[in-house]
Amino acid sequence: MHEAKLTFEPSARCYEPQRGTVAVEEPNRRWSTDMTTVWTRKEGWIAVTPVTDNGCRCVLEIGVSKWQDAPTILAPVERALRGAFGGACAIPEELELRTDHGSVYTGSDCEHLCKQWGVAQTFAPVGRPTGNAVAERVIQTMKIEMLWLQDWEDADEVRAALETWRVWYNTQRPHESLNWQTPAERRAERLGSKAGLALAA
């Protein structure tokens, strides 16, 4: 998109005044998730649901599925929680999950998941994409760098490609918002080297 000059130059963008930020300074304080879809030749529309740590911009998990029911869409959140902490007893008291007001996130399945893991759920303000800006930005980047670049056969092909992209995004791609660190470098700096190295696995 950038090479074909299909994006705005920075000076041409109109910015809203700052009204707070959904990003936080430390990892494991606020995670966010959202859903997008991509078309595949064999299975039609499939759901893609990243889970992002707003403190280091790490993409902790990405769910890819033909199904869009609540248990399927919420599964990557639970995988990310289990991968990061093992069990509910190790969850930091301050951790919250930021979502929009989609039916998956306002329903009893999400409420139950958050209670089971001891995670507070917060909702993005209605009509303000900036309220879940980290998840929205990850999805935009994922589309520009991966999903829009080719036609996809099925969910398995998308899943494999996104897992490769996720590792690259976390460990190789510097972020301006992180003073040009990669998400894994920022996570390791704030949480210790083992946390950052785990993202390369």
N, C-alpha and C. Protein backbone atom coordinates (compact mmCIF):
# COMPACT_ATOMS: atom_id res chain seq x y z
N MET A 1 0.83 -1.19 0.00
CA MET A 1 0.00 0.00 0.00
C MET A 1 0.88 1.26 0.00
N HIS A 2 1.92 1.25 0.86
CA HIS A 2 2.79 2.43 0.93
C HIS A 2 3.55 2.61 -0.38
N GLU A 3 4.09 1.51 -0.92
CA GLU A 3 4.88 1.60 -2.14
C GLU A 3 4.04 2.07 -3.33
N ALA A 4 2.77 1.69 -3.36
CA ALA A 4 1.89 2.09 -4.45
C ALA A 4 1.28 3.46 -4.23
N LYS A 5 1.68 4.13 -3.13
CA LYS A 5 1.20 5.47 -2.79
C LYS A 5 -0.31 5.51 -2.60
N LEU A 6 -0.81 4.43 -1.95
CA LEU A 6 -2.25 4.34 -1.68
C LEU A 6 -2.59 4.74 -0.24
N THR A 7 -1.61 5.27 0.49
CA THR A 7 -1.86 5.75 1.85
C THR A 7 -1.60 7.26 1.89
N PHE A 8 -2.19 7.93 2.87
CA PHE A 8 -1.99 9.37 3.03
C PHE A 8 -0.58 9.66 3.50
N GLU A 9 -0.03 10.78 3.03
CA GLU A 9 1.20 11.28 3.61
C GLU A 9 0.89 11.79 5.01
N PRO A 10 1.85 11.71 5.94
CA PRO A 10 1.57 12.13 7.32
C PRO A 10 0.98 13.53 7.41
N SER A 11 1.45 14.48 6.58
CA SER A 11 0.96 15.86 6.67
C SER A 11 -0.48 15.99 6.20
N ALA A 12 -0.98 15.02 5.42
CA ALA A 12 -2.34 15.11 4.89
C ALA A 12 -3.39 14.55 5.84
N ARG A 13 -2.94 13.93 6.92
CA ARG A 13 -3.89 13.33 7.85
C ARG A 13 -4.45 14.38 8.78
N CYS A 14 -5.71 14.20 9.15
CA CYS A 14 -6.34 15.07 10.14
C CYS A 14 -6.37 14.31 11.46
N TYR A 15 -5.85 14.92 12.50
CA TYR A 15 -5.79 14.26 13.79
C TYR A 15 -6.80 14.86 14.76
N GLU A 16 -7.47 14.00 15.50
CA GLU A 16 -8.34 14.44 16.59
C GLU A 16 -7.48 14.88 17.75
N PRO A 17 -7.98 15.82 18.57
CA PRO A 17 -7.23 16.14 19.78
C PRO A 17 -7.13 14.92 20.69
N GLN A 18 -6.05 14.81 21.43
CA GLN A 18 -5.84 13.68 22.34
C GLN A 18 -6.89 13.69 23.44
N ARG A 19 -7.50 12.53 23.70
CA ARG A 19 -8.46 12.40 24.78
C ARG A 19 -8.08 11.22 25.66
N GLY A 20 -6.86 11.16 26.07
CA GLY A 20 -6.41 9.99 26.82
C GLY A 20 -5.90 8.94 25.86
N THR A 21 -5.35 7.88 26.40
CA THR A 21 -4.79 6.84 25.55
C THR A 21 -5.14 5.47 26.11
N VAL A 22 -5.34 4.52 25.21
CA VAL A 22 -5.62 3.16 25.64
C VAL A 22 -4.32 2.39 25.88
N ALA A 23 -3.21 2.92 25.36
CA ALA A 23 -1.91 2.31 25.61
C ALA A 23 -1.49 2.55 27.06
N VAL A 24 -0.72 1.65 27.62
CA VAL A 24 -0.21 1.77 28.98
C VAL A 24 1.30 1.60 28.95
N GLU A 25 1.96 2.00 30.03
CA GLU A 25 3.42 1.98 30.07
C GLU A 25 4.00 0.59 30.31
N GLU A 26 3.28 -0.25 31.03
CA GLU A 26 3.81 -1.55 31.43
C GLU A 26 3.03 -2.70 30.79
N PRO A 27 3.70 -3.78 30.41
CA PRO A 27 3.00 -4.97 29.93
C PRO A 27 2.15 -5.60 31.04
N ASN A 28 1.20 -6.40 30.63
CA ASN A 28 0.32 -7.16 31.54
C ASN A 28 -0.51 -6.26 32.44
N ARG A 29 -0.87 -5.08 31.93
CA ARG A 29 -1.79 -4.20 32.65
C ARG A 29 -3.10 -4.07 31.87
N ARG A 30 -3.00 -3.94 30.56
CA ARG A 30 -4.20 -3.88 29.73
C ARG A 30 -3.94 -4.65 28.44
N TRP A 31 -4.77 -5.65 28.21
CA TRP A 31 -4.76 -6.36 26.94
C TRP A 31 -5.98 -5.92 26.16
N SER A 32 -5.93 -6.10 24.84
CA SER A 32 -7.10 -5.78 24.03
C SER A 32 -7.29 -6.84 22.96
N THR A 33 -8.53 -6.94 22.51
CA THR A 33 -8.85 -7.88 21.43
C THR A 33 -9.96 -7.29 20.58
N ASP A 34 -10.03 -7.73 19.37
CA ASP A 34 -11.07 -7.32 18.43
C ASP A 34 -11.11 -8.36 17.32
N MET A 35 -12.08 -8.23 16.45
CA MET A 35 -12.23 -9.21 15.37
C MET A 35 -12.31 -8.52 14.03
N THR A 36 -11.72 -9.15 13.02
CA THR A 36 -11.90 -8.76 11.64
C THR A 36 -12.18 -10.02 10.84
N THR A 37 -12.44 -9.89 9.57
CA THR A 37 -12.69 -11.06 8.72
C THR A 37 -11.86 -10.97 7.45
N VAL A 38 -11.62 -12.11 6.84
CA VAL A 38 -10.92 -12.18 5.57
C VAL A 38 -11.60 -13.26 4.72
N TRP A 39 -11.65 -13.04 3.43
CA TRP A 39 -12.30 -13.97 2.51
C TRP A 39 -11.33 -15.06 2.08
N THR A 40 -11.83 -16.31 2.09
CA THR A 40 -11.03 -17.43 1.58
C THR A 40 -11.82 -18.14 0.48
N ARG A 41 -11.10 -18.72 -0.46
CA ARG A 41 -11.75 -19.35 -1.61
C ARG A 41 -12.60 -20.54 -1.21
N LYS A 42 -12.09 -21.39 -0.30
CA LYS A 42 -12.80 -22.62 0.04
C LYS A 42 -13.83 -22.48 1.15
N GLU A 43 -13.59 -21.55 2.08
CA GLU A 43 -14.46 -21.48 3.26
C GLU A 43 -15.22 -20.17 3.40
N GLY A 44 -15.10 -19.27 2.42
CA GLY A 44 -15.79 -17.99 2.53
C GLY A 44 -15.14 -17.12 3.60
N TRP A 45 -15.95 -16.33 4.29
CA TRP A 45 -15.43 -15.42 5.31
C TRP A 45 -14.97 -16.19 6.54
N ILE A 46 -13.79 -15.84 7.03
CA ILE A 46 -13.31 -16.42 8.28
C ILE A 46 -12.96 -15.28 9.24
N ALA A 47 -13.06 -15.57 10.53
CA ALA A 47 -12.77 -14.58 11.57
C ALA A 47 -11.30 -14.62 11.97
N VAL A 48 -10.74 -13.44 12.19
CA VAL A 48 -9.36 -13.29 12.66
C VAL A 48 -9.42 -12.42 13.92
N THR A 49 -8.92 -12.95 15.05
CA THR A 49 -9.04 -12.26 16.33
C THR A 49 -7.69 -12.21 17.05
N PRO A 50 -6.97 -11.09 16.91
CA PRO A 50 -5.71 -10.95 17.65
C PRO A 50 -5.95 -10.55 19.10
N VAL A 51 -5.03 -10.94 19.96
CA VAL A 51 -5.00 -10.50 21.36
C VAL A 51 -3.67 -9.77 21.56
N THR A 52 -3.75 -8.52 21.99
CA THR A 52 -2.58 -7.65 22.04
C THR A 52 -2.36 -7.13 23.45
N ASP A 53 -1.10 -7.06 23.87
CA ASP A 53 -0.74 -6.41 25.13
C ASP A 53 -0.49 -4.94 24.84
N ASN A 54 -1.30 -4.05 25.41
CA ASN A 54 -1.21 -2.63 25.11
C ASN A 54 0.03 -1.96 25.71
N GLY A 55 0.71 -2.65 26.62
CA GLY A 55 1.91 -2.08 27.23
C GLY A 55 3.18 -2.28 26.42
N CYS A 56 3.21 -3.29 25.57
CA CYS A 56 4.41 -3.56 24.77
C CYS A 56 4.08 -3.80 23.30
N ARG A 57 2.81 -3.78 22.94
CA ARG A 57 2.29 -3.99 21.58
C ARG A 57 2.49 -5.41 21.07
N CYS A 58 2.82 -6.35 21.95
CA CYS A 58 2.98 -7.74 21.52
C CYS A 58 1.65 -8.32 21.11
N VAL A 59 1.65 -9.06 20.02
CA VAL A 59 0.49 -9.85 19.63
C VAL A 59 0.67 -11.21 20.31
N LEU A 60 -0.13 -11.45 21.34
CA LEU A 60 0.04 -12.63 22.17
C LEU A 60 -0.55 -13.88 21.53
N GLU A 61 -1.64 -13.73 20.83
CA GLU A 61 -2.32 -14.85 20.14
C GLU A 61 -3.09 -14.27 18.97
N ILE A 62 -3.37 -15.13 17.98
CA ILE A 62 -4.28 -14.78 16.89
C ILE A 62 -5.18 -15.98 16.64
N GLY A 63 -6.47 -15.78 16.80
CA GLY A 63 -7.43 -16.82 16.47
C GLY A 63 -7.86 -16.72 15.02
N VAL A 64 -7.98 -17.84 14.35
CA VAL A 64 -8.44 -17.89 12.95
C VAL A 64 -9.46 -19.01 12.86
N SER A 65 -10.68 -18.68 12.46
CA SER A 65 -11.72 -19.71 12.42
C SER A 65 -12.84 -19.33 11.47
N LYS A 66 -13.46 -20.37 10.89
CA LYS A 66 -14.66 -20.16 10.08
C LYS A 66 -15.84 -19.77 10.96
N TRP A 67 -15.79 -20.16 12.24
CA TRP A 67 -16.91 -19.93 13.15
C TRP A 67 -16.73 -18.62 13.90
N GLN A 68 -17.85 -17.94 14.16
CA GLN A 68 -17.80 -16.65 14.85
C GLN A 68 -18.65 -16.66 16.12
N ASP A 69 -18.83 -17.84 16.71
CA ASP A 69 -19.55 -17.92 17.98
C ASP A 69 -18.63 -17.46 19.11
N ALA A 70 -19.23 -17.12 20.25
CA ALA A 70 -18.46 -16.54 21.36
C ALA A 70 -17.32 -17.44 21.84
N PRO A 71 -17.53 -18.74 22.09
CA PRO A 71 -16.40 -19.56 22.56
C PRO A 71 -15.22 -19.57 21.59
N THR A 72 -15.50 -19.58 20.29
CA THR A 72 -14.42 -19.59 19.30
C THR A 72 -13.67 -18.26 19.28
N ILE A 73 -14.41 -17.14 19.30
CA ILE A 73 -13.79 -15.82 19.24
C ILE A 73 -13.00 -15.52 20.52
N LEU A 74 -13.46 -16.05 21.65
CA LEU A 74 -12.78 -15.79 22.93
C LEU A 74 -11.64 -16.77 23.21
N ALA A 75 -11.55 -17.86 22.44
CA ALA A 75 -10.52 -18.87 22.68
C ALA A 75 -9.10 -18.30 22.66
N PRO A 76 -8.75 -17.38 21.73
CA PRO A 76 -7.38 -16.85 21.76
C PRO A 76 -7.08 -16.05 23.03
N VAL A 77 -8.09 -15.42 23.62
CA VAL A 77 -7.87 -14.69 24.88
C VAL A 77 -7.48 -15.69 25.97
N GLU A 78 -8.20 -16.79 26.04
CA GLU A 78 -7.88 -17.80 27.06
C GLU A 78 -6.51 -18.43 26.80
N ARG A 79 -6.19 -18.70 25.53
CA ARG A 79 -4.86 -19.26 25.21
C ARG A 79 -3.76 -18.29 25.62
N ALA A 80 -3.98 -17.00 25.37
CA ALA A 80 -2.98 -15.99 25.74
C ALA A 80 -2.82 -15.92 27.26
N LEU A 81 -3.92 -15.96 27.99
CA LEU A 81 -3.85 -15.94 29.46
C LEU A 81 -3.11 -17.17 29.99
N ARG A 82 -3.45 -18.32 29.45
CA ARG A 82 -2.80 -19.56 29.89
C ARG A 82 -1.31 -19.54 29.53
N GLY A 83 -0.99 -19.06 28.33
CA GLY A 83 0.41 -19.01 27.91
C GLY A 83 1.25 -18.04 28.73
N ALA A 84 0.66 -16.91 29.11
CA ALA A 84 1.40 -15.89 29.85
C ALA A 84 1.50 -16.20 31.34
N PHE A 85 0.44 -16.80 31.92
CA PHE A 85 0.38 -16.93 33.38
C PHE A 85 0.20 -18.35 33.88
N GLY A 86 -0.17 -19.28 33.03
CA GLY A 86 -0.39 -20.66 33.46
C GLY A 86 -1.77 -20.87 34.05
N GLY A 87 -2.12 -20.13 35.07
CA GLY A 87 -3.42 -20.26 35.71
C GLY A 87 -3.87 -18.95 36.30
N ALA A 88 -5.12 -18.91 36.75
CA ALA A 88 -5.72 -17.67 37.26
C ALA A 88 -5.00 -17.14 38.49
N CYS A 89 -4.38 -18.03 39.28
CA CYS A 89 -3.72 -17.59 40.52
C CYS A 89 -2.51 -16.68 40.24
N ALA A 90 -1.97 -16.71 39.01
CA ALA A 90 -0.79 -15.90 38.69
C ALA A 90 -1.14 -14.60 37.95
N ILE A 91 -2.42 -14.33 37.73
CA ILE A 91 -2.84 -13.13 37.00
C ILE A 91 -2.54 -11.88 37.83
N PRO A 92 -1.89 -10.86 37.25
CA PRO A 92 -1.70 -9.61 37.99
C PRO A 92 -3.04 -8.97 38.32
N GLU A 93 -3.14 -8.39 39.51
CA GLU A 93 -4.39 -7.80 39.96
C GLU A 93 -4.88 -6.70 39.03
N GLU A 94 -3.94 -5.98 38.39
CA GLU A 94 -4.30 -4.81 37.57
C GLU A 94 -4.73 -5.17 36.16
N LEU A 95 -4.58 -6.42 35.73
CA LEU A 95 -4.82 -6.76 34.33
C LEU A 95 -6.28 -6.57 33.95
N GLU A 96 -6.49 -5.87 32.84
CA GLU A 96 -7.84 -5.71 32.30
C GLU A 96 -7.86 -6.08 30.83
N LEU A 97 -9.02 -6.44 30.36
CA LEU A 97 -9.23 -6.78 28.95
C LEU A 97 -10.10 -5.70 28.34
N ARG A 98 -9.57 -5.01 27.32
CA ARG A 98 -10.32 -3.95 26.63
C ARG A 98 -10.96 -4.54 25.37
N THR A 99 -12.27 -4.32 25.21
CA THR A 99 -12.99 -4.80 24.04
C THR A 99 -13.93 -3.71 23.55
N ASP A 100 -14.51 -3.95 22.38
CA ASP A 100 -15.60 -3.08 21.94
C ASP A 100 -16.92 -3.65 22.47
N HIS A 101 -18.03 -3.16 21.93
CA HIS A 101 -19.36 -3.57 22.42
C HIS A 101 -20.01 -4.64 21.54
N GLY A 102 -19.21 -5.38 20.78
CA GLY A 102 -19.77 -6.46 19.97
C GLY A 102 -20.44 -7.51 20.84
N SER A 103 -21.39 -8.22 20.27
CA SER A 103 -22.19 -9.17 21.05
C SER A 103 -21.34 -10.25 21.71
N VAL A 104 -20.25 -10.64 21.07
CA VAL A 104 -19.36 -11.65 21.67
C VAL A 104 -18.79 -11.14 22.99
N TYR A 105 -18.45 -9.84 23.03
CA TYR A 105 -17.77 -9.28 24.19
C TYR A 105 -18.72 -8.78 25.28
N THR A 106 -19.98 -8.52 24.92
CA THR A 106 -20.94 -8.06 25.93
C THR A 106 -21.77 -9.22 26.49
N GLY A 107 -21.59 -10.41 25.95
CA GLY A 107 -22.38 -11.56 26.37
C GLY A 107 -21.81 -12.25 27.60
N SER A 108 -22.55 -13.25 28.05
CA SER A 108 -22.19 -13.96 29.29
C SER A 108 -20.90 -14.79 29.14
N ASP A 109 -20.58 -15.23 27.91
CA ASP A 109 -19.36 -16.02 27.72
C ASP A 109 -18.11 -15.20 28.09
N CYS A 110 -18.06 -13.95 27.64
CA CYS A 110 -16.91 -13.10 27.94
C CYS A 110 -16.89 -12.73 29.43
N GLU A 111 -18.05 -12.45 29.97
CA GLU A 111 -18.15 -12.14 31.40
C GLU A 111 -17.63 -13.32 32.23
N HIS A 112 -18.04 -14.53 31.84
CA HIS A 112 -17.60 -15.73 32.56
C HIS A 112 -16.09 -15.92 32.44
N LEU A 113 -15.55 -15.73 31.24
CA LEU A 113 -14.10 -15.88 31.02
C LEU A 113 -13.32 -14.92 31.92
N CYS A 114 -13.76 -13.67 31.95
CA CYS A 114 -13.05 -12.66 32.76
C CYS A 114 -13.14 -12.99 34.25
N LYS A 115 -14.30 -13.43 34.70
CA LYS A 115 -14.45 -13.81 36.11
C LYS A 115 -13.60 -15.03 36.45
N GLN A 116 -13.61 -16.00 35.57
CA GLN A 116 -12.84 -17.23 35.78
C GLN A 116 -11.35 -16.93 35.94
N TRP A 117 -10.85 -15.98 35.15
CA TRP A 117 -9.43 -15.65 35.18
C TRP A 117 -9.10 -14.46 36.08
N GLY A 118 -10.11 -13.83 36.66
CA GLY A 118 -9.87 -12.68 37.53
C GLY A 118 -9.37 -11.46 36.80
N VAL A 119 -9.89 -11.26 35.58
CA VAL A 119 -9.49 -10.13 34.74
C VAL A 119 -10.65 -9.14 34.68
N ALA A 120 -10.38 -7.87 34.87
CA ALA A 120 -11.42 -6.85 34.73
C ALA A 120 -11.64 -6.58 33.24
N GLN A 121 -12.89 -6.42 32.84
CA GLN A 121 -13.19 -6.08 31.45
C GLN A 121 -13.59 -4.63 31.36
N THR A 122 -13.01 -3.91 30.41
CA THR A 122 -13.41 -2.53 30.15
C THR A 122 -13.81 -2.42 28.69
N PHE A 123 -14.78 -1.54 28.42
CA PHE A 123 -15.30 -1.39 27.07
C PHE A 123 -14.83 -0.07 26.47
N ALA A 124 -14.49 -0.12 25.18
CA ALA A 124 -14.13 1.09 24.45
C ALA A 124 -15.37 1.99 24.34
N PRO A 125 -15.19 3.30 24.45
CA PRO A 125 -16.34 4.20 24.29
C PRO A 125 -16.99 4.00 22.92
N VAL A 126 -18.30 4.05 22.87
CA VAL A 126 -19.04 3.84 21.63
C VAL A 126 -18.72 4.95 20.64
N GLY A 127 -18.50 4.57 19.38
CA GLY A 127 -18.25 5.55 18.32
C GLY A 127 -16.85 6.13 18.33
N ARG A 128 -15.96 5.60 19.14
CA ARG A 128 -14.58 6.10 19.18
C ARG A 128 -13.61 4.95 19.01
N PRO A 129 -13.17 4.67 17.79
CA PRO A 129 -12.22 3.58 17.57
C PRO A 129 -10.94 3.74 18.40
N THR A 130 -10.61 4.99 18.78
CA THR A 130 -9.41 5.20 19.59
C THR A 130 -9.54 4.55 20.96
N GLY A 131 -10.75 4.21 21.39
CA GLY A 131 -10.95 3.56 22.67
C GLY A 131 -10.40 2.15 22.73
N ASN A 132 -10.19 1.55 21.55
CA ASN A 132 -9.54 0.24 21.47
C ASN A 132 -8.43 0.33 20.42
N ALA A 133 -7.68 1.42 20.50
CA ALA A 133 -6.77 1.80 19.42
C ALA A 133 -5.65 0.79 19.18
N VAL A 134 -5.13 0.15 20.22
CA VAL A 134 -4.01 -0.76 20.01
C VAL A 134 -4.47 -1.98 19.19
N ALA A 135 -5.63 -2.54 19.55
CA ALA A 135 -6.16 -3.67 18.78
C ALA A 135 -6.49 -3.25 17.35
N GLU A 136 -7.11 -2.07 17.20
CA GLU A 136 -7.47 -1.58 15.87
C GLU A 136 -6.22 -1.38 15.01
N ARG A 137 -5.16 -0.86 15.61
CA ARG A 137 -3.92 -0.59 14.86
C ARG A 137 -3.25 -1.91 14.45
N VAL A 138 -3.25 -2.88 15.35
CA VAL A 138 -2.68 -4.19 15.00
C VAL A 138 -3.43 -4.79 13.83
N ILE A 139 -4.76 -4.70 13.86
CA ILE A 139 -5.56 -5.25 12.75
C ILE A 139 -5.25 -4.52 11.45
N GLN A 140 -5.14 -3.19 11.50
CA GLN A 140 -4.81 -2.44 10.28
C GLN A 140 -3.44 -2.86 9.74
N THR A 141 -2.46 -2.97 10.63
CA THR A 141 -1.12 -3.39 10.20
C THR A 141 -1.14 -4.80 9.62
N MET A 142 -1.88 -5.69 10.26
CA MET A 142 -2.00 -7.07 9.79
C MET A 142 -2.59 -7.11 8.37
N LYS A 143 -3.59 -6.27 8.13
CA LYS A 143 -4.20 -6.23 6.79
C LYS A 143 -3.22 -5.71 5.74
N ILE A 144 -2.55 -4.59 6.08
CA ILE A 144 -1.63 -3.97 5.12
C ILE A 144 -0.43 -4.86 4.83
N GLU A 145 0.10 -5.49 5.86
CA GLU A 145 1.34 -6.26 5.69
C GLU A 145 1.10 -7.71 5.29
N MET A 146 -0.15 -8.20 5.44
CA MET A 146 -0.38 -9.62 5.17
C MET A 146 -1.68 -9.93 4.46
N LEU A 147 -2.80 -9.64 5.13
CA LEU A 147 -4.08 -10.18 4.67
C LEU A 147 -4.51 -9.65 3.30
N TRP A 148 -4.17 -8.41 2.97
CA TRP A 148 -4.59 -7.82 1.70
C TRP A 148 -3.63 -8.13 0.55
N LEU A 149 -2.55 -8.84 0.82
CA LEU A 149 -1.52 -9.02 -0.20
C LEU A 149 -1.72 -10.23 -1.11
N GLN A 150 -2.67 -11.09 -0.78
CA GLN A 150 -2.89 -12.25 -1.63
C GLN A 150 -4.30 -12.80 -1.42
N ASP A 151 -4.69 -13.70 -2.30
CA ASP A 151 -5.94 -14.43 -2.13
C ASP A 151 -5.64 -15.67 -1.30
N TRP A 152 -6.56 -16.01 -0.41
CA TRP A 152 -6.34 -17.11 0.53
C TRP A 152 -7.23 -18.29 0.19
N GLU A 153 -6.69 -19.49 0.41
CA GLU A 153 -7.45 -20.71 0.12
C GLU A 153 -8.42 -21.06 1.24
N ASP A 154 -7.93 -21.10 2.47
CA ASP A 154 -8.76 -21.55 3.59
C ASP A 154 -8.18 -21.06 4.91
N ALA A 155 -8.87 -21.37 6.01
CA ALA A 155 -8.45 -20.91 7.32
C ALA A 155 -7.07 -21.45 7.71
N ASP A 156 -6.75 -22.68 7.32
CA ASP A 156 -5.45 -23.25 7.66
C ASP A 156 -4.31 -22.46 7.05
N GLU A 157 -4.48 -22.04 5.81
CA GLU A 157 -3.43 -21.26 5.14
C GLU A 157 -3.27 -19.90 5.84
N VAL A 158 -4.38 -19.25 6.17
CA VAL A 158 -4.33 -17.96 6.86
C VAL A 158 -3.68 -18.13 8.23
N ARG A 159 -4.07 -19.17 8.95
CA ARG A 159 -3.55 -19.41 10.30
C ARG A 159 -2.02 -19.57 10.28
N ALA A 160 -1.52 -20.38 9.36
CA ALA A 160 -0.07 -20.61 9.28
C ALA A 160 0.67 -19.31 8.93
N ALA A 161 0.13 -18.56 7.99
CA ALA A 161 0.78 -17.31 7.58
C ALA A 161 0.76 -16.29 8.71
N LEU A 162 -0.35 -16.21 9.42
CA LEU A 162 -0.46 -15.24 10.51
C LEU A 162 0.44 -15.60 11.69
N GLU A 163 0.65 -16.87 11.93
CA GLU A 163 1.55 -17.25 13.02
C GLU A 163 2.99 -16.85 12.68
N THR A 164 3.38 -17.04 11.41
CA THR A 164 4.71 -16.59 10.98
C THR A 164 4.82 -15.07 11.11
N TRP A 165 3.77 -14.35 10.67
CA TRP A 165 3.75 -12.89 10.76
C TRP A 165 3.81 -12.44 12.22
N ARG A 166 3.08 -13.11 13.10
CA ARG A 166 3.03 -12.74 14.52
C ARG A 166 4.43 -12.78 15.15
N VAL A 167 5.18 -13.85 14.87
CA VAL A 167 6.53 -13.96 15.42
C VAL A 167 7.41 -12.84 14.85
N TRP A 168 7.32 -12.59 13.54
CA TRP A 168 8.09 -11.52 12.92
C TRP A 168 7.71 -10.17 13.51
N TYR A 169 6.40 -9.90 13.65
CA TYR A 169 5.91 -8.63 14.19
C TYR A 169 6.44 -8.41 15.61
N ASN A 170 6.42 -9.45 16.42
CA ASN A 170 6.86 -9.33 17.81
C ASN A 170 8.37 -9.19 17.96
N THR A 171 9.12 -9.87 17.12
CA THR A 171 10.57 -9.98 17.36
C THR A 171 11.45 -9.23 16.36
N GLN A 172 10.91 -8.83 15.19
CA GLN A 172 11.75 -8.21 14.17
C GLN A 172 11.32 -6.80 13.78
N ARG A 173 10.06 -6.45 14.02
CA ARG A 173 9.52 -5.19 13.49
C ARG A 173 9.60 -4.08 14.55
N PRO A 174 10.49 -3.09 14.38
CA PRO A 174 10.56 -1.99 15.36
C PRO A 174 9.31 -1.11 15.28
N HIS A 175 8.94 -0.50 16.40
CA HIS A 175 7.76 0.36 16.48
C HIS A 175 8.16 1.77 16.90
N GLU A 176 7.70 2.75 16.16
CA GLU A 176 7.98 4.13 16.51
C GLU A 176 7.47 4.45 17.91
N SER A 177 6.28 3.92 18.25
CA SER A 177 5.69 4.20 19.56
C SER A 177 6.48 3.58 20.71
N LEU A 178 7.40 2.67 20.40
CA LEU A 178 8.23 2.04 21.42
C LEU A 178 9.69 2.51 21.33
N ASN A 179 9.88 3.72 20.77
CA ASN A 179 11.24 4.24 20.55
C ASN A 179 12.07 3.27 19.71
N TRP A 180 11.43 2.70 18.71
CA TRP A 180 12.05 1.81 17.73
C TRP A 180 12.54 0.49 18.33
N GLN A 181 11.99 0.10 19.45
CA GLN A 181 12.19 -1.26 19.94
C GLN A 181 11.16 -2.17 19.27
N THR A 182 11.46 -3.45 19.25
CA THR A 182 10.42 -4.41 18.87
C THR A 182 9.54 -4.66 20.09
N PRO A 183 8.31 -5.16 19.89
CA PRO A 183 7.48 -5.50 21.04
C PRO A 183 8.15 -6.48 22.00
N ALA A 184 8.86 -7.47 21.48
CA ALA A 184 9.54 -8.44 22.35
C ALA A 184 10.64 -7.77 23.17
N GLU A 185 11.36 -6.83 22.57
CA GLU A 185 12.40 -6.11 23.31
C GLU A 185 11.78 -5.29 24.43
N ARG A 186 10.67 -4.60 24.15
CA ARG A 186 10.02 -3.81 25.19
C ARG A 186 9.48 -4.71 26.30
N ARG A 187 8.90 -5.83 25.91
CA ARG A 187 8.35 -6.76 26.91
C ARG A 187 9.47 -7.33 27.79
N ALA A 188 10.58 -7.71 27.16
CA ALA A 188 11.71 -8.26 27.92
C ALA A 188 12.31 -7.20 28.83
N GLU A 189 12.40 -5.96 28.36
CA GLU A 189 12.94 -4.87 29.16
C GLU A 189 12.10 -4.64 30.42
N ARG A 190 10.77 -4.72 30.26
CA ARG A 190 9.88 -4.41 31.37
C ARG A 190 9.57 -5.62 32.25
N LEU A 191 9.58 -6.83 31.69
CA LEU A 191 9.18 -8.02 32.45
C LEU A 191 10.32 -9.00 32.70
N GLY A 192 11.43 -8.83 32.00
CA GLY A 192 12.53 -9.79 32.12
C GLY A 192 12.72 -10.54 30.83
N SER A 193 13.91 -11.05 30.59
CA SER A 193 14.27 -11.62 29.29
C SER A 193 13.44 -12.84 28.92
N LYS A 194 13.00 -13.65 29.88
CA LYS A 194 12.26 -14.86 29.55
C LYS A 194 10.93 -14.53 28.88
N ALA A 195 10.28 -13.44 29.33
CA ALA A 195 8.99 -13.06 28.76
C ALA A 195 9.14 -12.67 27.30
N GLY A 196 10.23 -11.96 26.98
CA GLY A 196 10.45 -11.57 25.59
C GLY A 196 10.83 -12.74 24.71
N LEU A 197 11.68 -13.61 25.22
CA LEU A 197 12.11 -14.76 24.43
C LEU A 197 10.96 -15.71 24.12
N ALA A 198 9.98 -15.79 25.01
CA ALA A 198 8.84 -16.70 24.79
C ALA A 198 8.05 -16.32 23.55
N LEU A 199 8.10 -15.06 23.15
CA LEU A 199 7.33 -14.61 22.00
C LEU A 199 7.93 -15.09 20.68
N ALA A 200 9.17 -15.51 20.71
CA ALA A 200 9.81 -16.01 19.50
C ALA A 200 9.50 -17.48 19.26
N ALA A 201 8.91 -18.14 20.25
CA ALA A 201 8.64 -19.57 20.13
C ALA A 201 7.42 -19.84 19.27
